[in-house]
Amino acid sequence: MEGVNPIIIGLDSYFKRLVPDSSVPVEVTQRYFKPVVIRRNDYVLRQGSHVRPIFYVHNGYFRLFREEPDGSAFTRAISTRGKFLVDVFQFMGDGLAQQNIQAITDCEIAMIYREDIHKLYEEHPGFKDIEIKLLEDVVIQLAKRNESLLTLNADYRYKKLMRDHPDLIRSVPVKDIASLLGITPQSLSRLRSSELKGIRNG
């Protein structure tokens, strides 16, 4: 696609996987979604903010987390390449952001804000089907994580995460992985040590 940013090409491919019969031209997508480079530790969204961004992760890792009054932080999601990330309840409503979204690594994203999505609807109503599907995808991923916290033990959650996303352990700090799994960093270290012993003894 000559003249189209590679990040937008990746985003367009994601839309076509999500809604195979989508008729939204890549040129329209490129007009509304802004390719952005986010540096490690920078924020895309701050808890308490009025802005409502939603973005596609082309490369890199983000964490979506909530800061509690006692200073603790609870990680609800770690993004992976080729997925959307959003504070879904704030995005769909009118309130303040309930989560922070922070880059764990240097990242490349394609971003749009809620008010610009309304303009995109006006130009191309077919985008509404894409938005519904991608928000469903985000909600399903959060629901799966919550279900695993309730039904799976820590060892199984860790092994499943490493099976599904083996690159996380190399790119994401231990404290963030532990928070995502609902355990302490010390417990995660014990799980990793046990796994390594099992590999050596196997």
N, C-alpha and C. Protein backbone atom coordinates (compact mmCIF):
# COMPACT_ATOMS: atom_id res chain seq x y z
N MET A 1 0.84 -1.19 0.00
CA MET A 1 0.00 0.00 0.00
C MET A 1 0.88 1.24 0.00
N GLU A 2 1.11 1.77 -1.16
CA GLU A 2 2.04 2.90 -1.31
C GLU A 2 1.51 4.13 -0.58
N GLY A 3 2.39 4.77 0.19
CA GLY A 3 2.03 5.98 0.89
C GLY A 3 1.29 5.77 2.20
N VAL A 4 1.12 4.50 2.61
CA VAL A 4 0.41 4.21 3.85
C VAL A 4 1.41 3.81 4.93
N ASN A 5 1.32 4.42 6.08
CA ASN A 5 2.22 4.12 7.19
C ASN A 5 2.12 2.64 7.57
N PRO A 6 3.26 1.96 7.82
CA PRO A 6 3.22 0.54 8.19
C PRO A 6 2.35 0.24 9.41
N ILE A 7 2.29 1.17 10.36
CA ILE A 7 1.43 0.97 11.54
C ILE A 7 -0.04 0.92 11.10
N ILE A 8 -0.41 1.77 10.16
CA ILE A 8 -1.79 1.79 9.66
C ILE A 8 -2.08 0.54 8.85
N ILE A 9 -1.09 0.04 8.12
CA ILE A 9 -1.28 -1.21 7.38
C ILE A 9 -1.59 -2.35 8.35
N GLY A 10 -0.84 -2.40 9.47
CA GLY A 10 -1.11 -3.41 10.49
C GLY A 10 -2.50 -3.25 11.07
N LEU A 11 -2.92 -2.01 11.31
CA LEU A 11 -4.25 -1.73 11.85
C LEU A 11 -5.33 -2.15 10.85
N ASP A 12 -5.13 -1.85 9.58
CA ASP A 12 -6.09 -2.23 8.55
C ASP A 12 -6.24 -3.76 8.47
N SER A 13 -5.14 -4.47 8.60
CA SER A 13 -5.19 -5.94 8.59
C SER A 13 -5.98 -6.45 9.80
N TYR A 14 -5.79 -5.81 10.95
CA TYR A 14 -6.55 -6.19 12.15
C TYR A 14 -8.04 -5.99 11.92
N PHE A 15 -8.42 -4.85 11.35
CA PHE A 15 -9.84 -4.59 11.07
C PHE A 15 -10.43 -5.65 10.14
N LYS A 16 -9.66 -6.05 9.13
CA LYS A 16 -10.17 -7.03 8.17
C LYS A 16 -10.30 -8.42 8.80
N ARG A 17 -9.43 -8.75 9.77
CA ARG A 17 -9.60 -10.01 10.49
C ARG A 17 -10.82 -9.95 11.40
N LEU A 18 -11.06 -8.78 11.97
CA LEU A 18 -12.16 -8.59 12.91
C LEU A 18 -13.51 -8.61 12.18
N VAL A 19 -13.57 -7.86 11.06
CA VAL A 19 -14.80 -7.78 10.26
C VAL A 19 -14.40 -8.02 8.79
N PRO A 20 -14.39 -9.29 8.37
CA PRO A 20 -13.89 -9.63 7.03
C PRO A 20 -14.56 -8.88 5.88
N ASP A 21 -15.82 -8.53 6.04
CA ASP A 21 -16.52 -7.83 4.95
C ASP A 21 -16.51 -6.31 5.14
N SER A 22 -15.60 -5.82 5.98
CA SER A 22 -15.51 -4.38 6.21
C SER A 22 -15.19 -3.64 4.92
N SER A 23 -15.87 -2.50 4.73
CA SER A 23 -15.66 -1.70 3.52
C SER A 23 -14.94 -0.39 3.81
N VAL A 24 -14.38 -0.27 5.02
CA VAL A 24 -13.70 0.98 5.38
C VAL A 24 -12.35 1.02 4.67
N PRO A 25 -12.12 1.98 3.75
CA PRO A 25 -10.86 2.04 3.02
C PRO A 25 -9.69 2.39 3.94
N VAL A 26 -8.51 1.86 3.62
CA VAL A 26 -7.34 2.13 4.45
C VAL A 26 -7.01 3.62 4.46
N GLU A 27 -7.34 4.33 3.38
CA GLU A 27 -7.08 5.77 3.33
C GLU A 27 -7.92 6.52 4.39
N VAL A 28 -9.14 6.04 4.63
CA VAL A 28 -9.99 6.64 5.67
C VAL A 28 -9.40 6.36 7.04
N THR A 29 -8.98 5.11 7.25
CA THR A 29 -8.35 4.73 8.53
C THR A 29 -7.14 5.61 8.79
N GLN A 30 -6.32 5.85 7.76
CA GLN A 30 -5.11 6.64 7.93
C GLN A 30 -5.42 8.10 8.27
N ARG A 31 -6.54 8.62 7.79
CA ARG A 31 -6.90 10.01 8.10
C ARG A 31 -7.28 10.20 9.57
N TYR A 32 -7.85 9.17 10.17
CA TYR A 32 -8.38 9.32 11.52
C TYR A 32 -7.49 8.75 12.62
N PHE A 33 -6.74 7.71 12.32
CA PHE A 33 -5.86 7.11 13.32
C PHE A 33 -4.46 7.68 13.17
N LYS A 34 -3.91 8.17 14.27
CA LYS A 34 -2.61 8.82 14.25
C LYS A 34 -1.51 7.85 14.69
N PRO A 35 -0.53 7.57 13.82
CA PRO A 35 0.61 6.75 14.26
C PRO A 35 1.46 7.53 15.26
N VAL A 36 1.78 6.91 16.38
CA VAL A 36 2.52 7.59 17.45
C VAL A 36 3.57 6.65 18.02
N VAL A 37 4.74 7.19 18.32
CA VAL A 37 5.77 6.45 19.06
C VAL A 37 5.70 6.88 20.51
N ILE A 38 5.52 5.92 21.41
CA ILE A 38 5.44 6.19 22.85
C ILE A 38 6.68 5.61 23.51
N ARG A 39 7.37 6.41 24.28
CA ARG A 39 8.60 5.96 24.91
C ARG A 39 8.31 5.23 26.23
N ARG A 40 9.23 4.37 26.59
CA ARG A 40 9.11 3.60 27.83
C ARG A 40 8.81 4.50 29.03
N ASN A 41 7.85 4.08 29.82
CA ASN A 41 7.39 4.76 31.04
C ASN A 41 6.46 5.94 30.79
N ASP A 42 6.27 6.35 29.53
CA ASP A 42 5.33 7.44 29.25
C ASP A 42 3.89 6.93 29.37
N TYR A 43 2.98 7.87 29.67
CA TYR A 43 1.56 7.53 29.84
C TYR A 43 0.76 7.94 28.60
N VAL A 44 -0.18 7.09 28.22
CA VAL A 44 -1.17 7.44 27.19
C VAL A 44 -2.44 7.94 27.87
N LEU A 45 -2.71 7.42 29.06
CA LEU A 45 -3.91 7.82 29.82
C LEU A 45 -3.56 7.85 31.30
N ARG A 46 -4.04 8.90 31.99
CA ARG A 46 -3.84 9.03 33.43
C ARG A 46 -5.18 8.87 34.14
N GLN A 47 -5.15 8.15 35.24
CA GLN A 47 -6.34 7.98 36.07
C GLN A 47 -6.88 9.35 36.45
N GLY A 48 -8.20 9.55 36.27
CA GLY A 48 -8.82 10.83 36.58
C GLY A 48 -8.91 11.78 35.41
N SER A 49 -8.35 11.37 34.25
CA SER A 49 -8.35 12.23 33.06
C SER A 49 -9.71 12.22 32.36
N HIS A 50 -10.00 13.32 31.65
CA HIS A 50 -11.23 13.41 30.85
C HIS A 50 -11.05 12.83 29.45
N VAL A 51 -9.82 12.76 28.95
CA VAL A 51 -9.61 12.33 27.57
C VAL A 51 -9.96 10.84 27.42
N ARG A 52 -10.41 10.46 26.21
CA ARG A 52 -10.86 9.08 25.99
C ARG A 52 -10.17 8.50 24.75
N PRO A 53 -8.91 8.08 24.90
CA PRO A 53 -8.21 7.48 23.76
C PRO A 53 -8.49 5.99 23.65
N ILE A 54 -8.37 5.48 22.44
CA ILE A 54 -8.35 4.05 22.18
C ILE A 54 -7.26 3.83 21.14
N PHE A 55 -6.47 2.77 21.30
CA PHE A 55 -5.37 2.63 20.35
C PHE A 55 -5.00 1.17 20.09
N TYR A 56 -4.43 1.00 18.89
CA TYR A 56 -3.95 -0.30 18.41
C TYR A 56 -2.45 -0.38 18.69
N VAL A 57 -2.03 -1.48 19.29
CA VAL A 57 -0.61 -1.66 19.62
C VAL A 57 0.07 -2.39 18.45
N HIS A 58 0.93 -1.66 17.75
CA HIS A 58 1.66 -2.25 16.63
C HIS A 58 2.91 -2.97 17.12
N ASN A 59 3.61 -2.35 18.06
CA ASN A 59 4.80 -2.94 18.68
C ASN A 59 4.91 -2.47 20.12
N GLY A 60 5.50 -3.31 20.97
CA GLY A 60 5.74 -2.92 22.34
C GLY A 60 4.68 -3.41 23.31
N TYR A 61 4.85 -3.01 24.58
CA TYR A 61 3.96 -3.46 25.66
C TYR A 61 3.51 -2.30 26.51
N PHE A 62 2.24 -2.32 26.85
CA PHE A 62 1.65 -1.37 27.79
C PHE A 62 1.05 -2.13 28.96
N ARG A 63 0.92 -1.44 30.08
CA ARG A 63 0.14 -1.99 31.17
C ARG A 63 -1.02 -1.05 31.48
N LEU A 64 -2.17 -1.64 31.75
CA LEU A 64 -3.34 -0.91 32.18
C LEU A 64 -3.51 -1.21 33.66
N PHE A 65 -3.42 -0.18 34.51
CA PHE A 65 -3.45 -0.44 35.94
C PHE A 65 -4.17 0.68 36.69
N ARG A 66 -4.59 0.34 37.90
CA ARG A 66 -5.28 1.29 38.76
C ARG A 66 -4.45 1.53 40.01
N GLU A 67 -4.32 2.80 40.39
CA GLU A 67 -3.63 3.16 41.63
C GLU A 67 -4.66 3.32 42.74
N GLU A 68 -4.41 2.66 43.85
CA GLU A 68 -5.32 2.71 44.98
C GLU A 68 -4.89 3.81 45.96
N PRO A 69 -5.81 4.26 46.82
CA PRO A 69 -5.49 5.33 47.78
C PRO A 69 -4.30 5.01 48.68
N ASP A 70 -4.06 3.71 48.95
CA ASP A 70 -2.94 3.35 49.82
C ASP A 70 -1.60 3.31 49.10
N GLY A 71 -1.61 3.67 47.79
CA GLY A 71 -0.37 3.70 47.02
C GLY A 71 -0.09 2.44 46.24
N SER A 72 -0.87 1.38 46.45
CA SER A 72 -0.67 0.14 45.71
C SER A 72 -1.22 0.29 44.29
N ALA A 73 -0.75 -0.56 43.40
CA ALA A 73 -1.19 -0.53 42.00
C ALA A 73 -1.61 -1.93 41.58
N PHE A 74 -2.73 -2.01 40.90
CA PHE A 74 -3.29 -3.29 40.47
C PHE A 74 -3.32 -3.33 38.95
N THR A 75 -2.53 -4.22 38.35
CA THR A 75 -2.46 -4.34 36.89
C THR A 75 -3.63 -5.18 36.38
N ARG A 76 -4.45 -4.59 35.51
CA ARG A 76 -5.61 -5.30 34.97
C ARG A 76 -5.32 -5.93 33.63
N ALA A 77 -4.35 -5.38 32.90
CA ALA A 77 -4.04 -5.94 31.58
C ALA A 77 -2.64 -5.52 31.17
N ILE A 78 -1.99 -6.39 30.41
CA ILE A 78 -0.75 -6.04 29.71
C ILE A 78 -1.03 -6.28 28.24
N SER A 79 -0.85 -5.23 27.46
CA SER A 79 -1.17 -5.34 26.04
C SER A 79 -0.17 -6.24 25.33
N THR A 80 -0.60 -6.81 24.24
CA THR A 80 0.29 -7.54 23.36
C THR A 80 0.14 -6.98 21.94
N ARG A 81 1.12 -7.24 21.14
CA ARG A 81 1.13 -6.73 19.77
C ARG A 81 -0.11 -7.20 19.01
N GLY A 82 -0.68 -6.27 18.25
CA GLY A 82 -1.82 -6.63 17.41
C GLY A 82 -3.15 -6.57 18.12
N LYS A 83 -3.22 -5.88 19.27
CA LYS A 83 -4.46 -5.76 20.01
C LYS A 83 -4.76 -4.29 20.31
N PHE A 84 -6.03 -4.00 20.63
CA PHE A 84 -6.41 -2.68 21.08
C PHE A 84 -6.35 -2.61 22.59
N LEU A 85 -6.09 -1.41 23.10
CA LEU A 85 -6.08 -1.18 24.54
C LEU A 85 -6.87 0.09 24.83
N VAL A 86 -7.72 0.02 25.87
CA VAL A 86 -8.59 1.15 26.21
C VAL A 86 -9.11 0.95 27.63
N ASP A 87 -9.37 2.04 28.32
CA ASP A 87 -10.15 1.99 29.55
C ASP A 87 -11.60 1.92 29.09
N VAL A 88 -12.10 0.70 28.92
CA VAL A 88 -13.32 0.48 28.15
C VAL A 88 -14.55 1.14 28.76
N PHE A 89 -14.68 1.14 30.09
CA PHE A 89 -15.87 1.70 30.70
C PHE A 89 -15.87 3.23 30.62
N GLN A 90 -14.70 3.84 30.78
CA GLN A 90 -14.61 5.29 30.62
C GLN A 90 -14.83 5.68 29.17
N PHE A 91 -14.29 4.89 28.23
CA PHE A 91 -14.40 5.20 26.81
C PHE A 91 -15.86 5.18 26.35
N MET A 92 -16.63 4.22 26.89
CA MET A 92 -18.02 4.07 26.46
C MET A 92 -18.96 5.01 27.21
N GLY A 93 -18.50 5.60 28.32
CA GLY A 93 -19.33 6.51 29.09
C GLY A 93 -18.85 7.93 29.00
N ASP A 94 -19.13 8.70 30.05
CA ASP A 94 -18.76 10.12 30.06
C ASP A 94 -17.93 10.50 31.29
N GLY A 95 -17.51 9.51 32.07
CA GLY A 95 -16.81 9.80 33.30
C GLY A 95 -15.31 9.97 33.13
N LEU A 96 -14.64 10.04 34.27
CA LEU A 96 -13.19 10.16 34.29
C LEU A 96 -12.55 8.78 34.13
N ALA A 97 -11.31 8.79 33.67
CA ALA A 97 -10.58 7.53 33.50
C ALA A 97 -10.40 6.85 34.86
N GLN A 98 -10.67 5.57 34.91
CA GLN A 98 -10.50 4.79 36.13
C GLN A 98 -9.17 4.04 36.15
N GLN A 99 -8.44 4.08 35.04
CA GLN A 99 -7.19 3.34 34.90
C GLN A 99 -6.09 4.25 34.36
N ASN A 100 -4.85 3.81 34.56
CA ASN A 100 -3.69 4.40 33.88
C ASN A 100 -3.28 3.45 32.76
N ILE A 101 -2.78 4.02 31.68
CA ILE A 101 -2.17 3.22 30.61
C ILE A 101 -0.77 3.75 30.40
N GLN A 102 0.22 2.91 30.68
CA GLN A 102 1.63 3.32 30.66
C GLN A 102 2.44 2.36 29.79
N ALA A 103 3.38 2.91 29.03
CA ALA A 103 4.27 2.08 28.21
C ALA A 103 5.29 1.38 29.08
N ILE A 104 5.43 0.07 28.92
CA ILE A 104 6.45 -0.71 29.61
C ILE A 104 7.74 -0.71 28.81
N THR A 105 7.59 -0.66 27.48
CA THR A 105 8.72 -0.59 26.55
C THR A 105 8.48 0.57 25.59
N ASP A 106 9.43 0.88 24.73
CA ASP A 106 9.14 1.78 23.62
C ASP A 106 8.08 1.12 22.75
N CYS A 107 7.11 1.89 22.29
CA CYS A 107 5.96 1.33 21.59
C CYS A 107 5.61 2.14 20.34
N GLU A 108 4.98 1.46 19.39
CA GLU A 108 4.39 2.11 18.22
C GLU A 108 2.89 1.80 18.23
N ILE A 109 2.09 2.85 18.13
CA ILE A 109 0.64 2.66 18.20
C ILE A 109 -0.06 3.48 17.12
N ALA A 110 -1.33 3.16 16.91
CA ALA A 110 -2.23 3.98 16.09
C ALA A 110 -3.37 4.40 17.00
N MET A 111 -3.52 5.71 17.24
CA MET A 111 -4.43 6.22 18.26
C MET A 111 -5.54 7.06 17.65
N ILE A 112 -6.71 6.98 18.31
CA ILE A 112 -7.83 7.85 17.97
C ILE A 112 -8.54 8.19 19.28
N TYR A 113 -9.21 9.34 19.31
CA TYR A 113 -9.98 9.74 20.48
C TYR A 113 -11.47 9.60 20.19
N ARG A 114 -12.24 9.49 21.27
CA ARG A 114 -13.67 9.21 21.14
C ARG A 114 -14.37 10.22 20.24
N GLU A 115 -14.06 11.50 20.40
CA GLU A 115 -14.74 12.52 19.60
C GLU A 115 -14.45 12.37 18.11
N ASP A 116 -13.25 11.88 17.77
CA ASP A 116 -12.91 11.69 16.36
C ASP A 116 -13.59 10.45 15.78
N ILE A 117 -13.91 9.48 16.63
CA ILE A 117 -14.64 8.31 16.14
C ILE A 117 -16.02 8.73 15.65
N HIS A 118 -16.65 9.68 16.33
CA HIS A 118 -17.96 10.16 15.88
C HIS A 118 -17.85 10.80 14.48
N LYS A 119 -16.77 11.50 14.22
CA LYS A 119 -16.55 12.08 12.89
C LYS A 119 -16.34 10.97 11.86
N LEU A 120 -15.62 9.91 12.28
CA LEU A 120 -15.39 8.77 11.38
C LEU A 120 -16.71 8.08 11.04
N TYR A 121 -17.62 7.96 12.01
CA TYR A 121 -18.95 7.39 11.74
C TYR A 121 -19.66 8.16 10.64
N GLU A 122 -19.58 9.50 10.75
CA GLU A 122 -20.29 10.34 9.79
C GLU A 122 -19.76 10.13 8.38
N GLU A 123 -18.43 9.99 8.27
CA GLU A 123 -17.85 9.78 6.94
C GLU A 123 -18.05 8.35 6.45
N HIS A 124 -17.94 7.40 7.37
CA HIS A 124 -18.04 6.00 6.97
C HIS A 124 -18.78 5.20 8.05
N PRO A 125 -20.12 5.11 7.95
CA PRO A 125 -20.92 4.43 8.98
C PRO A 125 -20.50 2.97 9.21
N GLY A 126 -19.85 2.34 8.24
CA GLY A 126 -19.42 0.96 8.39
C GLY A 126 -18.42 0.75 9.50
N PHE A 127 -17.79 1.85 9.96
CA PHE A 127 -16.82 1.69 11.04
C PHE A 127 -17.49 1.30 12.35
N LYS A 128 -18.79 1.56 12.48
CA LYS A 128 -19.49 1.21 13.72
C LYS A 128 -19.39 -0.28 14.00
N ASP A 129 -19.48 -1.11 12.94
CA ASP A 129 -19.37 -2.56 13.11
C ASP A 129 -17.99 -2.95 13.64
N ILE A 130 -16.96 -2.26 13.15
CA ILE A 130 -15.59 -2.53 13.61
C ILE A 130 -15.45 -2.16 15.08
N GLU A 131 -15.98 -0.98 15.44
CA GLU A 131 -15.85 -0.54 16.83
C GLU A 131 -16.53 -1.53 17.77
N ILE A 132 -17.71 -2.00 17.42
CA ILE A 132 -18.43 -2.94 18.27
C ILE A 132 -17.60 -4.21 18.46
N LYS A 133 -17.02 -4.71 17.38
CA LYS A 133 -16.24 -5.94 17.46
C LYS A 133 -14.97 -5.76 18.28
N LEU A 134 -14.28 -4.63 18.09
CA LEU A 134 -13.01 -4.46 18.82
C LEU A 134 -13.26 -4.23 20.31
N LEU A 135 -14.36 -3.54 20.66
CA LEU A 135 -14.68 -3.37 22.08
C LEU A 135 -15.10 -4.71 22.70
N GLU A 136 -15.80 -5.53 21.93
CA GLU A 136 -16.13 -6.88 22.39
C GLU A 136 -14.86 -7.66 22.67
N ASP A 137 -13.88 -7.53 21.78
CA ASP A 137 -12.61 -8.24 21.93
C ASP A 137 -11.91 -7.80 23.22
N VAL A 138 -11.89 -6.49 23.49
CA VAL A 138 -11.26 -5.96 24.70
C VAL A 138 -11.97 -6.50 25.95
N VAL A 139 -13.30 -6.45 25.95
CA VAL A 139 -14.07 -6.91 27.12
C VAL A 139 -13.87 -8.41 27.35
N ILE A 140 -13.83 -9.19 26.27
CA ILE A 140 -13.62 -10.63 26.40
C ILE A 140 -12.27 -10.94 27.02
N GLN A 141 -11.23 -10.21 26.62
CA GLN A 141 -9.90 -10.44 27.19
C GLN A 141 -9.88 -10.12 28.68
N LEU A 142 -10.55 -9.04 29.09
CA LEU A 142 -10.62 -8.71 30.52
C LEU A 142 -11.42 -9.76 31.28
N ALA A 143 -12.51 -10.24 30.67
CA ALA A 143 -13.33 -11.25 31.33
C ALA A 143 -12.56 -12.55 31.52
N LYS A 144 -11.76 -12.93 30.51
CA LYS A 144 -10.96 -14.15 30.62
C LYS A 144 -9.95 -14.03 31.75
N ARG A 145 -9.33 -12.84 31.87
CA ARG A 145 -8.36 -12.66 32.95
C ARG A 145 -9.04 -12.78 34.31
N ASN A 146 -10.21 -12.12 34.46
CA ASN A 146 -10.92 -12.19 35.73
C ASN A 146 -11.34 -13.62 36.06
N GLU A 147 -11.76 -14.36 35.04
CA GLU A 147 -12.16 -15.75 35.26
C GLU A 147 -10.97 -16.59 35.72
N SER A 148 -9.80 -16.36 35.11
CA SER A 148 -8.62 -17.14 35.49
C SER A 148 -8.21 -16.85 36.94
N LEU A 149 -8.38 -15.58 37.38
CA LEU A 149 -8.05 -15.25 38.76
C LEU A 149 -8.96 -15.98 39.75
N LEU A 150 -10.20 -16.20 39.32
CA LEU A 150 -11.17 -16.83 40.21
C LEU A 150 -11.11 -18.36 40.18
N THR A 151 -10.70 -18.93 39.05
CA THR A 151 -10.84 -20.38 38.88
C THR A 151 -9.53 -21.15 38.77
N LEU A 152 -8.41 -20.47 38.48
CA LEU A 152 -7.15 -21.17 38.28
C LEU A 152 -6.17 -20.82 39.39
N ASN A 153 -5.34 -21.79 39.77
CA ASN A 153 -4.33 -21.48 40.77
C ASN A 153 -3.17 -20.70 40.13
N ALA A 154 -2.31 -20.13 40.96
CA ALA A 154 -1.24 -19.25 40.48
C ALA A 154 -0.29 -19.97 39.54
N ASP A 155 0.04 -21.21 39.85
CA ASP A 155 0.97 -21.97 39.01
C ASP A 155 0.40 -22.15 37.61
N TYR A 156 -0.88 -22.50 37.52
CA TYR A 156 -1.50 -22.71 36.21
C TYR A 156 -1.61 -21.38 35.46
N ARG A 157 -1.97 -20.28 36.17
CA ARG A 157 -2.07 -18.97 35.51
C ARG A 157 -0.73 -18.57 34.91
N TYR A 158 0.34 -18.81 35.68
CA TYR A 158 1.68 -18.46 35.19
C TYR A 158 2.04 -19.28 33.96
N LYS A 159 1.82 -20.60 34.03
CA LYS A 159 2.17 -21.46 32.89
C LYS A 159 1.35 -21.12 31.66
N LYS A 160 0.09 -20.79 31.85
CA LYS A 160 -0.77 -20.42 30.72
C LYS A 160 -0.28 -19.12 30.08
N LEU A 161 0.08 -18.14 30.92
CA LEU A 161 0.58 -16.86 30.40
C LEU A 161 1.86 -17.07 29.60
N MET A 162 2.78 -17.88 30.13
CA MET A 162 4.03 -18.13 29.43
C MET A 162 3.83 -18.94 28.16
N ARG A 163 2.83 -19.81 28.16
CA ARG A 163 2.53 -20.58 26.95
C ARG A 163 1.93 -19.69 25.86
N ASP A 164 1.02 -18.81 26.27
CA ASP A 164 0.35 -17.94 25.30
C ASP A 164 1.23 -16.77 24.86
N HIS A 165 2.09 -16.27 25.78
CA HIS A 165 2.91 -15.08 25.50
C HIS A 165 4.31 -15.27 26.06
N PRO A 166 5.10 -16.17 25.49
CA PRO A 166 6.43 -16.47 26.04
C PRO A 166 7.39 -15.30 26.03
N ASP A 167 7.15 -14.30 25.19
CA ASP A 167 8.05 -13.15 25.11
C ASP A 167 7.85 -12.17 26.26
N LEU A 168 6.75 -12.30 27.01
CA LEU A 168 6.49 -11.37 28.11
C LEU A 168 7.59 -11.37 29.15
N ILE A 169 8.08 -12.56 29.48
CA ILE A 169 9.06 -12.69 30.56
C ILE A 169 10.36 -11.97 30.22
N ARG A 170 10.63 -11.78 28.92
CA ARG A 170 11.86 -11.09 28.50
C ARG A 170 11.68 -9.58 28.41
N SER A 171 10.44 -9.13 28.29
CA SER A 171 10.20 -7.71 28.00
C SER A 171 9.50 -6.94 29.10
N VAL A 172 8.80 -7.65 29.98
CA VAL A 172 7.95 -6.99 30.98
C VAL A 172 8.54 -7.22 32.37
N PRO A 173 8.64 -6.16 33.20
CA PRO A 173 9.17 -6.32 34.55
C PRO A 173 8.39 -7.37 35.37
N VAL A 174 9.14 -8.05 36.23
CA VAL A 174 8.55 -9.11 37.06
C VAL A 174 7.37 -8.57 37.89
N LYS A 175 7.51 -7.37 38.43
CA LYS A 175 6.45 -6.82 39.29
C LYS A 175 5.14 -6.65 38.53
N ASP A 176 5.22 -6.31 37.24
CA ASP A 176 4.01 -6.13 36.43
C ASP A 176 3.38 -7.47 36.09
N ILE A 177 4.20 -8.47 35.77
CA ILE A 177 3.67 -9.81 35.50
C ILE A 177 3.02 -10.37 36.75
N ALA A 178 3.68 -10.19 37.90
CA ALA A 178 3.13 -10.69 39.17
C ALA A 178 1.79 -10.03 39.47
N SER A 179 1.70 -8.72 39.28
CA SER A 179 0.45 -8.01 39.53
C SER A 179 -0.65 -8.50 38.60
N LEU A 180 -0.32 -8.73 37.34
CA LEU A 180 -1.30 -9.25 36.38
C LEU A 180 -1.82 -10.61 36.82
N LEU A 181 -0.94 -11.44 37.38
CA LEU A 181 -1.32 -12.78 37.82
C LEU A 181 -2.00 -12.79 39.18
N GLY A 182 -1.98 -11.64 39.87
CA GLY A 182 -2.60 -11.57 41.18
C GLY A 182 -1.77 -12.18 42.28
N ILE A 183 -0.43 -12.16 42.13
CA ILE A 183 0.47 -12.72 43.13
C ILE A 183 1.58 -11.72 43.43
N THR A 184 2.40 -12.00 44.43
CA THR A 184 3.53 -11.12 44.76
C THR A 184 4.71 -11.45 43.85
N PRO A 185 5.65 -10.50 43.67
CA PRO A 185 6.87 -10.80 42.91
C PRO A 185 7.64 -11.98 43.49
N GLN A 186 7.61 -12.13 44.82
CA GLN A 186 8.32 -13.25 45.45
C GLN A 186 7.68 -14.59 45.06
N SER A 187 6.36 -14.62 45.02
CA SER A 187 5.67 -15.85 44.60
C SER A 187 5.98 -16.17 43.14
N LEU A 188 6.04 -15.14 42.30
CA LEU A 188 6.37 -15.36 40.90
C LEU A 188 7.78 -15.91 40.77
N SER A 189 8.72 -15.37 41.54
CA SER A 189 10.10 -15.88 41.50
C SER A 189 10.15 -17.35 41.87
N ARG A 190 9.34 -17.75 42.87
CA ARG A 190 9.31 -19.16 43.26
C ARG A 190 8.74 -20.03 42.15
N LEU A 191 7.71 -19.54 41.47
CA LEU A 191 7.12 -20.30 40.35
C LEU A 191 8.14 -20.45 39.23
N ARG A 192 8.87 -19.38 38.93
CA ARG A 192 9.88 -19.45 37.86
C ARG A 192 11.01 -20.40 38.24
N SER A 193 11.45 -20.36 39.50
CA SER A 193 12.51 -21.26 39.95
C SER A 193 12.05 -22.72 39.87
N SER A 194 10.81 -22.98 40.26
CA SER A 194 10.28 -24.33 40.21
C SER A 194 10.21 -24.83 38.78
N GLU A 195 9.81 -23.93 37.87
CA GLU A 195 9.73 -24.33 36.47
C GLU A 195 11.10 -24.65 35.90
N LEU A 196 12.11 -23.83 36.24
CA LEU A 196 13.47 -24.07 35.75
C LEU A 196 14.03 -25.38 36.29
N LYS A 197 13.73 -25.69 37.56
CA LYS A 197 14.18 -26.97 38.12
C LYS A 197 13.53 -28.13 37.41
N GLY A 198 12.24 -27.97 37.07
CA GLY A 198 11.54 -29.02 36.36
C GLY A 198 12.12 -29.25 34.98
N ILE A 199 12.53 -28.16 34.31
CA ILE A 199 13.14 -28.28 32.98
C ILE A 199 14.48 -28.99 33.08
N ARG A 200 15.29 -28.59 34.09
CA ARG A 200 16.62 -29.22 34.24
C ARG A 200 16.49 -30.71 34.61
N ASN A 201 15.50 -31.01 35.44
CA ASN A 201 15.33 -32.40 35.89
C ASN A 201 14.61 -33.26 34.87
N GLY A 202 13.96 -32.56 33.92
CA GLY A 202 13.20 -33.32 32.91
C GLY A 202 14.07 -33.87 31.83
